[in-house]
Amino acid sequence: KAIIPYTTSQELLFTDNNGVEVLALSTPKISTVEARR
């Protein structure tokens, strides 16, 4: 349950191989129970 650390919406900053910063936006993790037939 704790593997995904994104409990709130977050801005994550990455750097590519050329030194350019790239922004990623995360959604808060959600927990669901799926019912399969």
Full PDB file with SEQRES, HELIX, SHEET, SSBOND, CRYST1, ORIGX, SCALE, CONECT and MASTER records, all heavy atoms in Angstrom:
SEQRES   1 A   37  LYS ALA ILE ILE PRO TYR THR THR SER GLN GLU LEU LEU          
SEQRES   2 A   37  PHE THR ASP ASN ASN GLY VAL GLU VAL LEU ALA LEU SER          
SEQRES   3 A   37  THR PRO LYS ILE SER THR VAL GLU ALA ARG ARG                  
SHEET    1 AA1 2 GLN A  10  THR A  15  0                                        
SHEET    2 AA1 2 GLU A  21  SER A  26 -1                                        
CRYST1    1.000    1.000    1.000  90.00  90.00  90.00 P 1           1          
ORIGX1      1.000000  0.000000  0.000000        0.00000                         
ORIGX2      0.000000  1.000000  0.000000        0.00000                         
ORIGX3      0.000000  0.000000  1.000000        0.00000                         
SCALE1      1.000000  0.000000  0.000000        0.00000                         
SCALE2      0.000000  1.000000  0.000000        0.00000                         
SCALE3      0.000000  0.000000  1.000000        0.00000                         
ATOM      1  N   LYS A   1       0.820  -1.213   0.000  1.00  0.00           N  
ATOM      2  CA  LYS A   1       0.000   0.000   0.000  1.00  0.00           C  
ATOM      3  C   LYS A   1       0.853   1.262   0.000  1.00  0.00           C  
ATOM      4  O   LYS A   1       0.452   2.303  -0.515  1.00  0.00           O  
ATOM      5  CB  LYS A   1      -0.920   0.034   1.216  1.00  0.00           C  
ATOM      6  CG  LYS A   1      -2.053  -0.948   1.163  1.00  0.00           C  
ATOM      7  CD  LYS A   1      -2.879  -0.859   2.434  1.00  0.00           C  
ATOM      8  CE  LYS A   1      -3.924  -1.937   2.477  1.00  0.00           C  
ATOM      9  NZ  LYS A   1      -4.727  -1.904   3.698  1.00  0.00           N  
ATOM     10  N   ALA A   2       2.053   1.184   0.586  1.00  0.00           N  
ATOM     11  CA  ALA A   2       2.915   2.360   0.732  1.00  0.00           C  
ATOM     12  C   ALA A   2       3.890   2.548  -0.430  1.00  0.00           C  
ATOM     13  O   ALA A   2       4.608   3.551  -0.470  1.00  0.00           O  
ATOM     14  CB  ALA A   2       3.698   2.270   2.036  1.00  0.00           C  
ATOM     15  N   ILE A   3       3.943   1.625  -1.380  1.00  0.00           N  
ATOM     16  CA  ILE A   3       4.914   1.727  -2.481  1.00  0.00           C  
ATOM     17  C   ILE A   3       4.726   3.022  -3.268  1.00  0.00           C  
ATOM     18  O   ILE A   3       5.684   3.683  -3.618  1.00  0.00           O  
ATOM     19  CB  ILE A   3       4.827   0.500  -3.409  1.00  0.00           C  
ATOM     20  CG1 ILE A   3       5.402  -0.722  -2.701  1.00  0.00           C  
ATOM     21  CG2 ILE A   3       5.579   0.738  -4.707  1.00  0.00           C  
ATOM     22  CD1 ILE A   3       5.241  -2.014  -3.481  1.00  0.00           C  
ATOM     23  N   ILE A   4       3.491   3.374  -3.549  1.00  0.00           N  
ATOM     24  CA  ILE A   4       3.234   4.628  -4.270  1.00  0.00           C  
ATOM     25  C   ILE A   4       3.200   5.747  -3.231  1.00  0.00           C  
ATOM     26  O   ILE A   4       2.307   5.778  -2.387  1.00  0.00           O  
ATOM     27  CB  ILE A   4       1.914   4.563  -5.059  1.00  0.00           C  
ATOM     28  CG1 ILE A   4       1.970   3.442  -6.104  1.00  0.00           C  
ATOM     29  CG2 ILE A   4       1.622   5.913  -5.729  1.00  0.00           C  
ATOM     30  CD1 ILE A   4       0.670   3.216  -6.844  1.00  0.00           C  
ATOM     31  N   PRO A   5       4.179   6.680  -3.291  1.00  0.00           N  
ATOM     32  CA  PRO A   5       4.292   7.675  -2.220  1.00  0.00           C  
ATOM     33  C   PRO A   5       3.452   8.939  -2.418  1.00  0.00           C  
ATOM     34  O   PRO A   5       3.447   9.805  -1.554  1.00  0.00           O  
ATOM     35  CB  PRO A   5       5.781   8.030  -2.263  1.00  0.00           C  
ATOM     36  CG  PRO A   5       6.138   7.902  -3.707  1.00  0.00           C  
ATOM     37  CD  PRO A   5       5.314   6.748  -4.206  1.00  0.00           C  
ATOM     38  N   TYR A   6       2.749   9.064  -3.523  1.00  0.00           N  
ATOM     39  CA  TYR A   6       2.069  10.317  -3.858  1.00  0.00           C  
ATOM     40  C   TYR A   6       0.723  10.416  -3.135  1.00  0.00           C  
ATOM     41  O   TYR A   6      -0.301  10.003  -3.650  1.00  0.00           O  
ATOM     42  CB  TYR A   6       1.879  10.432  -5.366  1.00  0.00           C  
ATOM     43  CG  TYR A   6       3.116  10.093  -6.160  1.00  0.00           C  
ATOM     44  CD1 TYR A   6       3.130   9.063  -7.085  1.00  0.00           C  
ATOM     45  CD2 TYR A   6       4.296  10.812  -5.962  1.00  0.00           C  
ATOM     46  CE1 TYR A   6       4.269   8.753  -7.804  1.00  0.00           C  
ATOM     47  CE2 TYR A   6       5.440  10.507  -6.678  1.00  0.00           C  
ATOM     48  CZ  TYR A   6       5.415   9.472  -7.596  1.00  0.00           C  
ATOM     49  OH  TYR A   6       6.550   9.164  -8.305  1.00  0.00           O  
ATOM     50  N   THR A   7       0.739  10.992  -1.931  1.00  0.00           N  
ATOM     51  CA  THR A   7      -0.490  11.114  -1.146  1.00  0.00           C  
ATOM     52  C   THR A   7      -1.275  12.376  -1.490  1.00  0.00           C  
ATOM     53  O   THR A   7      -2.450  12.479  -1.185  1.00  0.00           O  
ATOM     54  CB  THR A   7      -0.172  11.106   0.365  1.00  0.00           C  
ATOM     55  OG1 THR A   7       0.769  12.140   0.647  1.00  0.00           O  
ATOM     56  CG2 THR A   7       0.411   9.756   0.787  1.00  0.00           C  
ATOM     57  N   THR A   8      -0.612  13.332  -2.132  1.00  0.00           N  
ATOM     58  CA  THR A   8      -1.256  14.563  -2.600  1.00  0.00           C  
ATOM     59  C   THR A   8      -0.811  14.817  -4.044  1.00  0.00           C  
ATOM     60  O   THR A   8       0.136  14.195  -4.511  1.00  0.00           O  
ATOM     61  CB  THR A   8      -0.841  15.785  -1.747  1.00  0.00           C  
ATOM     62  OG1 THR A   8       0.572  15.968  -1.859  1.00  0.00           O  
ATOM     63  CG2 THR A   8      -1.230  15.605  -0.289  1.00  0.00           C  
ATOM     64  N   SER A   9      -1.465  15.738  -4.715  1.00  0.00           N  
ATOM     65  CA  SER A   9      -0.984  16.148  -6.036  1.00  0.00           C  
ATOM     66  C   SER A   9       0.372  16.818  -5.856  1.00  0.00           C  
ATOM     67  O   SER A   9       0.530  17.652  -4.963  1.00  0.00           O  
ATOM     68  CB  SER A   9      -1.957  17.124  -6.692  1.00  0.00           C  
ATOM     69  OG  SER A   9      -3.186  16.494  -6.930  1.00  0.00           O  
ATOM     70  N   GLN A  10       1.332  16.417  -6.668  1.00  0.00           N  
ATOM     71  CA  GLN A  10       2.677  16.956  -6.530  1.00  0.00           C  
ATOM     72  C   GLN A  10       3.249  17.333  -7.883  1.00  0.00           C  
ATOM     73  O   GLN A  10       2.898  16.746  -8.900  1.00  0.00           O  
ATOM     74  CB  GLN A  10       3.611  15.920  -5.883  1.00  0.00           C  
ATOM     75  CG  GLN A  10       3.233  15.514  -4.500  1.00  0.00           C  
ATOM     76  CD  GLN A  10       4.137  14.400  -3.960  1.00  0.00           C  
ATOM     77  OE1 GLN A  10       5.188  14.119  -4.491  1.00  0.00           O  
ATOM     78  NE2 GLN A  10       3.709  13.775  -2.884  1.00  0.00           N  
ATOM     79  N   GLU A  11       4.150  18.321  -7.863  1.00  0.00           N  
ATOM     80  CA  GLU A  11       4.951  18.647  -9.030  1.00  0.00           C  
ATOM     81  C   GLU A  11       6.319  18.027  -8.816  1.00  0.00           C  
ATOM     82  O   GLU A  11       6.989  18.310  -7.822  1.00  0.00           O  
ATOM     83  CB  GLU A  11       5.074  20.164  -9.193  1.00  0.00           C  
ATOM     84  CG  GLU A  11       3.771  20.841  -9.544  1.00  0.00           C  
ATOM     85  CD  GLU A  11       3.937  22.338  -9.784  1.00  0.00           C  
ATOM     86  OE1 GLU A  11       5.021  22.892  -9.475  1.00  0.00           O  
ATOM     87  OE2 GLU A  11       2.981  22.945 -10.275  1.00  0.00           O  
ATOM     88  N   LEU A  12       6.718  17.166  -9.737  1.00  0.00           N  
ATOM     89  CA  LEU A  12       8.012  16.492  -9.657  1.00  0.00           C  
ATOM     90  C   LEU A  12       8.889  16.987 -10.790  1.00  0.00           C  
ATOM     91  O   LEU A  12       8.456  16.994 -11.945  1.00  0.00           O  
ATOM     92  CB  LEU A  12       7.829  14.979  -9.757  1.00  0.00           C  
ATOM     93  CG  LEU A  12       6.856  14.364  -8.757  1.00  0.00           C  
ATOM     94  CD1 LEU A  12       6.531  12.930  -9.139  1.00  0.00           C  
ATOM     95  CD2 LEU A  12       7.447  14.428  -7.366  1.00  0.00           C  
ATOM     96  N   LEU A  13      10.112  17.384 -10.472  1.00  0.00           N  
ATOM     97  CA  LEU A  13      11.015  17.933 -11.478  1.00  0.00           C  
ATOM     98  C   LEU A  13      12.064  16.895 -11.855  1.00  0.00           C  
ATOM     99  O   LEU A  13      12.761  16.355 -10.997  1.00  0.00           O  
ATOM    100  CB  LEU A  13      11.681  19.207 -10.941  1.00  0.00           C  
ATOM    101  CG  LEU A  13      12.221  20.173 -11.976  1.00  0.00           C  
ATOM    102  CD1 LEU A  13      11.161  20.577 -12.989  1.00  0.00           C  
ATOM    103  CD2 LEU A  13      12.771  21.413 -11.288  1.00  0.00           C  
ATOM    104  N   PHE A  14      12.147  16.616 -13.142  1.00  0.00           N  
ATOM    105  CA  PHE A  14      13.114  15.676 -13.696  1.00  0.00           C  
ATOM    106  C   PHE A  14      14.093  16.444 -14.582  1.00  0.00           C  
ATOM    107  O   PHE A  14      13.762  17.513 -15.101  1.00  0.00           O  
ATOM    108  CB  PHE A  14      12.413  14.607 -14.543  1.00  0.00           C  
ATOM    109  CG  PHE A  14      11.598  13.642 -13.740  1.00  0.00           C  
ATOM    110  CD1 PHE A  14      10.354  13.989 -13.234  1.00  0.00           C  
ATOM    111  CD2 PHE A  14      12.080  12.368 -13.485  1.00  0.00           C  
ATOM    112  CE1 PHE A  14       9.611  13.100 -12.494  1.00  0.00           C  
ATOM    113  CE2 PHE A  14      11.340  11.472 -12.737  1.00  0.00           C  
ATOM    114  CZ  PHE A  14      10.096  11.830 -12.245  1.00  0.00           C  
ATOM    115  N   THR A  15      15.276  15.897 -14.765  1.00  0.00           N  
ATOM    116  CA  THR A  15      16.263  16.469 -15.684  1.00  0.00           C  
ATOM    117  C   THR A  15      16.568  15.425 -16.738  1.00  0.00           C  
ATOM    118  O   THR A  15      16.779  14.246 -16.417  1.00  0.00           O  
ATOM    119  CB  THR A  15      17.547  16.876 -14.943  1.00  0.00           C  
ATOM    120  OG1 THR A  15      17.204  17.829 -13.935  1.00  0.00           O  
ATOM    121  CG2 THR A  15      18.556  17.503 -15.888  1.00  0.00           C  
ATOM    122  N   ASP A  16      16.586  15.861 -18.018  1.00  0.00           N  
ATOM    123  CA  ASP A  16      16.885  14.901 -19.080  1.00  0.00           C  
ATOM    124  C   ASP A  16      18.384  14.845 -19.346  1.00  0.00           C  
ATOM    125  O   ASP A  16      19.179  15.542 -18.695  1.00  0.00           O  
ATOM    126  CB  ASP A  16      16.082  15.204 -20.343  1.00  0.00           C  
ATOM    127  CG  ASP A  16      16.531  16.440 -21.109  1.00  0.00           C  
ATOM    128  OD1 ASP A  16      17.586  17.035 -20.788  1.00  0.00           O  
ATOM    129  OD2 ASP A  16      15.824  16.815 -22.055  1.00  0.00           O  
ATOM    130  N   ASN A  17      18.809  14.042 -20.288  1.00  0.00           N  
ATOM    131  CA  ASN A  17      20.217  13.834 -20.604  1.00  0.00           C  
ATOM    132  C   ASN A  17      20.896  15.090 -21.139  1.00  0.00           C  
ATOM    133  O   ASN A  17      22.126  15.170 -21.138  1.00  0.00           O  
ATOM    134  CB  ASN A  17      20.387  12.677 -21.588  1.00  0.00           C  
ATOM    135  CG  ASN A  17      19.473  12.820 -22.786  1.00  0.00           C  
ATOM    136  OD1 ASN A  17      18.260  12.719 -22.637  1.00  0.00           O  
ATOM    137  ND2 ASN A  17      20.038  13.067 -23.948  1.00  0.00           N  
ATOM    138  N   ASN A  18      20.140  16.097 -21.558  1.00  0.00           N  
ATOM    139  CA  ASN A  18      20.707  17.361 -22.038  1.00  0.00           C  
ATOM    140  C   ASN A  18      20.694  18.453 -20.977  1.00  0.00           C  
ATOM    141  O   ASN A  18      21.002  19.604 -21.264  1.00  0.00           O  
ATOM    142  CB  ASN A  18      19.948  17.845 -23.283  1.00  0.00           C  
ATOM    143  CG  ASN A  18      20.124  16.914 -24.453  1.00  0.00           C  
ATOM    144  OD1 ASN A  18      21.223  16.424 -24.713  1.00  0.00           O  
ATOM    145  ND2 ASN A  18      19.030  16.637 -25.160  1.00  0.00           N  
ATOM    146  N   GLY A  19      20.273  18.114 -19.764  1.00  0.00           N  
ATOM    147  CA  GLY A  19      20.223  19.098 -18.683  1.00  0.00           C  
ATOM    148  C   GLY A  19      18.946  19.918 -18.658  1.00  0.00           C  
ATOM    149  O   GLY A  19      18.827  20.861 -17.867  1.00  0.00           O  
ATOM    150  N   VAL A  20      17.979  19.582 -19.488  1.00  0.00           N  
ATOM    151  CA  VAL A  20      16.711  20.306 -19.548  1.00  0.00           C  
ATOM    152  C   VAL A  20      15.769  19.738 -18.485  1.00  0.00           C  
ATOM    153  O   VAL A  20      15.625  18.521 -18.353  1.00  0.00           O  
ATOM    154  CB  VAL A  20      16.065  20.180 -20.947  1.00  0.00           C  
ATOM    155  CG1 VAL A  20      14.692  20.842 -20.987  1.00  0.00           C  
ATOM    156  CG2 VAL A  20      16.984  20.755 -22.007  1.00  0.00           C  
ATOM    157  N   GLU A  21      15.141  20.627 -17.724  1.00  0.00           N  
ATOM    158  CA  GLU A  21      14.206  20.184 -16.688  1.00  0.00           C  
ATOM    159  C   GLU A  21      12.823  19.939 -17.282  1.00  0.00           C  
ATOM    160  O   GLU A  21      12.345  20.714 -18.110  1.00  0.00           O  
ATOM    161  CB  GLU A  21      14.148  21.204 -15.563  1.00  0.00           C  
ATOM    162  CG  GLU A  21      15.448  21.258 -14.776  1.00  0.00           C  
ATOM    163  CD  GLU A  21      15.382  22.139 -13.553  1.00  0.00           C  
ATOM    164  OE1 GLU A  21      14.610  23.133 -13.576  1.00  0.00           O  
ATOM    165  OE2 GLU A  21      16.090  21.843 -12.580  1.00  0.00           O  
ATOM    166  N   VAL A  22      12.220  18.848 -16.848  1.00  0.00           N  
ATOM    167  CA  VAL A  22      10.906  18.441 -17.331  1.00  0.00           C  
ATOM    168  C   VAL A  22      10.009  18.223 -16.113  1.00  0.00           C  
ATOM    169  O   VAL A  22      10.369  17.497 -15.189  1.00  0.00           O  
ATOM    170  CB  VAL A  22      10.999  17.141 -18.168  1.00  0.00           C  
ATOM    171  CG1 VAL A  22       9.623  16.701 -18.637  1.00  0.00           C  
ATOM    172  CG2 VAL A  22      11.940  17.340 -19.350  1.00  0.00           C  
ATOM    173  N   LEU A  23       8.836  18.834 -16.135  1.00  0.00           N  
ATOM    174  CA  LEU A  23       7.903  18.763 -15.011  1.00  0.00           C  
ATOM    175  C   LEU A  23       6.927  17.610 -15.199  1.00  0.00           C  
ATOM    176  O   LEU A  23       6.401  17.379 -16.286  1.00  0.00           O  
ATOM    177  CB  LEU A  23       7.119  20.078 -14.913  1.00  0.00           C  
ATOM    178  CG  LEU A  23       6.113  20.196 -13.769  1.00  0.00           C  
ATOM    179  CD1 LEU A  23       6.837  20.224 -12.427  1.00  0.00           C  
ATOM    180  CD2 LEU A  23       5.273  21.445 -13.956  1.00  0.00           C  
ATOM    181  N   ALA A  24       6.680  16.896 -14.118  1.00  0.00           N  
ATOM    182  CA  ALA A  24       5.647  15.853 -14.090  1.00  0.00           C  
ATOM    183  C   ALA A  24       4.677  16.190 -12.965  1.00  0.00           C  
ATOM    184  O   ALA A  24       5.082  16.655 -11.903  1.00  0.00           O  
ATOM    185  CB  ALA A  24       6.269  14.482 -13.852  1.00  0.00           C  
ATOM    186  N   LEU A  25       3.412  15.960 -13.208  1.00  0.00           N  
ATOM    187  CA  LEU A  25       2.383  16.179 -12.193  1.00  0.00           C  
ATOM    188  C   LEU A  25       1.826  14.830 -11.773  1.00  0.00           C  
ATOM    189  O   LEU A  25       1.470  13.999 -12.618  1.00  0.00           O  
ATOM    190  CB  LEU A  25       1.265  17.058 -12.742  1.00  0.00           C  
ATOM    191  CG  LEU A  25       1.679  18.444 -13.234  1.00  0.00           C  
ATOM    192  CD1 LEU A  25       0.492  19.163 -13.870  1.00  0.00           C  
ATOM    193  CD2 LEU A  25       2.236  19.256 -12.090  1.00  0.00           C  
ATOM    194  N   SER A  26       1.745  14.625 -10.461  1.00  0.00           N  
ATOM    195  CA  SER A  26       1.199  13.366  -9.954  1.00  0.00           C  
ATOM    196  C   SER A  26      -0.196  13.605  -9.391  1.00  0.00           C  
ATOM    197  O   SER A  26      -0.512  14.688  -8.916  1.00  0.00           O  
ATOM    198  CB  SER A  26       2.104  12.779  -8.867  1.00  0.00           C  
ATOM    199  OG  SER A  26       1.991  13.534  -7.680  1.00  0.00           O  
ATOM    200  N   THR A  27      -0.991  12.559  -9.442  1.00  0.00           N  
ATOM    201  CA  THR A  27      -2.284  12.601  -8.776  1.00  0.00           C  
ATOM    202  C   THR A  27      -2.126  11.917  -7.429  1.00  0.00           C  
ATOM    203  O   THR A  27      -1.247  11.068  -7.263  1.00  0.00           O  
ATOM    204  CB  THR A  27      -3.364  11.862  -9.596  1.00  0.00           C  
ATOM    205  OG1 THR A  27      -2.986  10.491  -9.733  1.00  0.00           O  
ATOM    206  CG2 THR A  27      -3.551  12.505 -10.958  1.00  0.00           C  
ATOM    207  N   PRO A  28      -2.957  12.268  -6.452  1.00  0.00           N  
ATOM    208  CA  PRO A  28      -2.891  11.548  -5.177  1.00  0.00           C  
ATOM    209  C   PRO A  28      -3.250  10.076  -5.415  1.00  0.00           C  
ATOM    210  O   PRO A  28      -4.123   9.780  -6.227  1.00  0.00           O  
ATOM    211  CB  PRO A  28      -3.942  12.215  -4.307  1.00  0.00           C  
ATOM    212  CG  PRO A  28      -4.376  13.439  -5.022  1.00  0.00           C  
ATOM    213  CD  PRO A  28      -3.982  13.301  -6.452  1.00  0.00           C  
ATOM    214  N   LYS A  29      -2.577   9.188  -4.711  1.00  0.00           N  
ATOM    215  CA  LYS A  29      -2.908   7.773  -4.890  1.00  0.00           C  
ATOM    216  C   LYS A  29      -4.310   7.514  -4.350  1.00  0.00           C  
ATOM    217  O   LYS A  29      -4.755   8.154  -3.398  1.00  0.00           O  
ATOM    218  CB  LYS A  29      -1.877   6.868  -4.228  1.00  0.00           C  
ATOM    219  CG  LYS A  29      -1.864   6.875  -2.723  1.00  0.00           C  
ATOM    220  CD  LYS A  29      -0.820   5.898  -2.211  1.00  0.00           C  
ATOM    221  CE  LYS A  29      -0.630   6.044  -0.718  1.00  0.00           C  
ATOM    222  NZ  LYS A  29       0.439   5.165  -0.234  1.00  0.00           N  
ATOM    223  N   ILE A  30      -4.991   6.610  -5.014  1.00  0.00           N  
ATOM    224  CA  ILE A  30      -6.323   6.223  -4.576  1.00  0.00           C  
ATOM    225  C   ILE A  30      -6.326   4.721  -4.316  1.00  0.00           C  
ATOM    226  O   ILE A  30      -5.610   3.961  -4.963  1.00  0.00           O  
ATOM    227  CB  ILE A  30      -7.420   6.607  -5.587  1.00  0.00           C  
ATOM    228  CG1 ILE A  30      -7.137   6.005  -6.955  1.00  0.00           C  
ATOM    229  CG2 ILE A  30      -7.577   8.105  -5.690  1.00  0.00           C  
ATOM    230  CD1 ILE A  30      -8.293   6.120  -7.923  1.00  0.00           C  
ATOM    231  N   SER A  31      -7.126   4.327  -3.368  1.00  0.00           N  
ATOM    232  CA  SER A  31      -7.262   2.920  -3.026  1.00  0.00           C  
ATOM    233  C   SER A  31      -8.677   2.495  -3.374  1.00  0.00           C  
ATOM    234  O   SER A  31      -9.639   3.171  -3.009  1.00  0.00           O  
ATOM    235  CB  SER A  31      -6.988   2.721  -1.536  1.00  0.00           C  
ATOM    236  OG  SER A  31      -7.106   1.364  -1.197  1.00  0.00           O  
ATOM    237  N   THR A  32      -8.795   1.384  -4.104  1.00  0.00           N  
ATOM    238  CA  THR A  32     -10.101   0.879  -4.499  1.00  0.00           C  
ATOM    239  C   THR A  32     -10.151  -0.630  -4.288  1.00  0.00           C  
ATOM    240  O   THR A  32      -9.121  -1.285  -4.175  1.00  0.00           O  
ATOM    241  CB  THR A  32     -10.402   1.178  -5.982  1.00  0.00           C  
ATOM    242  OG1 THR A  32      -9.380   0.589  -6.796  1.00  0.00           O  
ATOM    243  CG2 THR A  32     -10.472   2.665  -6.251  1.00  0.00           C  
ATOM    244  N   VAL A  33     -11.357  -1.149  -4.268  1.00  0.00           N  
ATOM    245  CA  VAL A  33     -11.567  -2.590  -4.250  1.00  0.00           C  
ATOM    246  C   VAL A  33     -12.403  -2.906  -5.484  1.00  0.00           C  
ATOM    247  O   VAL A  33     -13.528  -2.426  -5.636  1.00  0.00           O  
ATOM    248  CB  VAL A  33     -12.277  -3.053  -2.967  1.00  0.00           C  
ATOM    249  CG1 VAL A  33     -12.584  -4.546  -3.049  1.00  0.00           C  
ATOM    250  CG2 VAL A  33     -11.431  -2.743  -1.751  1.00  0.00           C  
ATOM    251  N   GLU A  34     -11.817  -3.706  -6.372  1.00  0.00           N  
ATOM    252  CA  GLU A  34     -12.492  -4.081  -7.606  1.00  0.00           C  
ATOM    253  C   GLU A  34     -13.191  -5.422  -7.407  1.00  0.00           C  
ATOM    254  O   GLU A  34     -12.624  -6.353  -6.836  1.00  0.00           O  
ATOM    255  CB  GLU A  34     -11.458  -4.207  -8.735  1.00  0.00           C  
ATOM    256  CG  GLU A  34     -12.049  -4.622 -10.055  1.00  0.00           C  
ATOM    257  CD  GLU A  34     -10.998  -4.861 -11.127  1.00  0.00           C  
ATOM    258  OE1 GLU A  34      -9.815  -4.574 -10.904  1.00  0.00           O  
ATOM    259  OE2 GLU A  34     -11.381  -5.364 -12.188  1.00  0.00           O  
ATOM    260  N   ALA A  35     -14.416  -5.510  -7.868  1.00  0.00           N  
ATOM    261  CA  ALA A  35     -15.167  -6.762  -7.792  1.00  0.00           C  
ATOM    262  C   ALA A  35     -15.146  -7.411  -9.172  1.00  0.00           C  
ATOM    263  O   ALA A  35     -15.646  -6.845 -10.138  1.00  0.00           O  
ATOM    264  CB  ALA A  35     -16.602  -6.492  -7.352  1.00  0.00           C  
ATOM    265  N   ARG A  36     -14.550  -8.588  -9.259  1.00  0.00           N  
ATOM    266  CA  ARG A  36     -14.475  -9.325 -10.526  1.00  0.00           C  
ATOM    267  C   ARG A  36     -15.382 -10.543 -10.452  1.00  0.00           C  
ATOM    268  O   ARG A  36     -15.380 -11.277  -9.480  1.00  0.00           O  
ATOM    269  CB  ARG A  36     -13.045  -9.787 -10.802  1.00  0.00           C  
ATOM    270  CG  ARG A  36     -12.095  -8.651 -11.078  1.00  0.00           C  
ATOM    271  CD  ARG A  36     -10.732  -9.184 -11.466  1.00  0.00           C  
ATOM    272  NE  ARG A  36      -9.765  -8.099 -11.589  1.00  0.00           N  
ATOM    273  CZ  ARG A  36      -8.471  -8.295 -11.779  1.00  0.00           C  
ATOM    274  NH1 ARG A  36      -7.978  -9.517 -11.850  1.00  0.00           N  
ATOM    275  NH2 ARG A  36      -7.663  -7.264 -11.873  1.00  0.00           N  
ATOM    276  N   ARG A  37     -16.113 -10.752 -11.538  1.00  0.00           N  
ATOM    277  CA  ARG A  37     -17.001 -11.915 -11.628  1.00  0.00           C  
ATOM    278  C   ARG A  37     -16.311 -13.011 -12.445  1.00  0.00           C  
ATOM    279  O   ARG A  37     -15.507 -12.727 -13.314  1.00  0.00           O  
ATOM    280  CB  ARG A  37     -18.307 -11.539 -12.311  1.00  0.00           C  
ATOM    281  CG  ARG A  37     -19.133 -10.569 -11.511  1.00  0.00           C  
ATOM    282  CD  ARG A  37     -20.476 -10.300 -12.219  1.00  0.00           C  
ATOM    283  NE  ARG A  37     -21.241  -9.328 -11.468  1.00  0.00           N  
ATOM    284  CZ  ARG A  37     -21.960  -9.617 -10.393  1.00  0.00           C  
ATOM    285  NH1 ARG A  37     -22.031 -10.850  -9.958  1.00  0.00           N  
ATOM    286  NH2 ARG A  37     -22.622  -8.686  -9.754  1.00  0.00           N  
TER     287      ARG A  37                                                      
MASTER        0    0    0    0    2    0    0    6  286    1    0    3          
END                                                                             
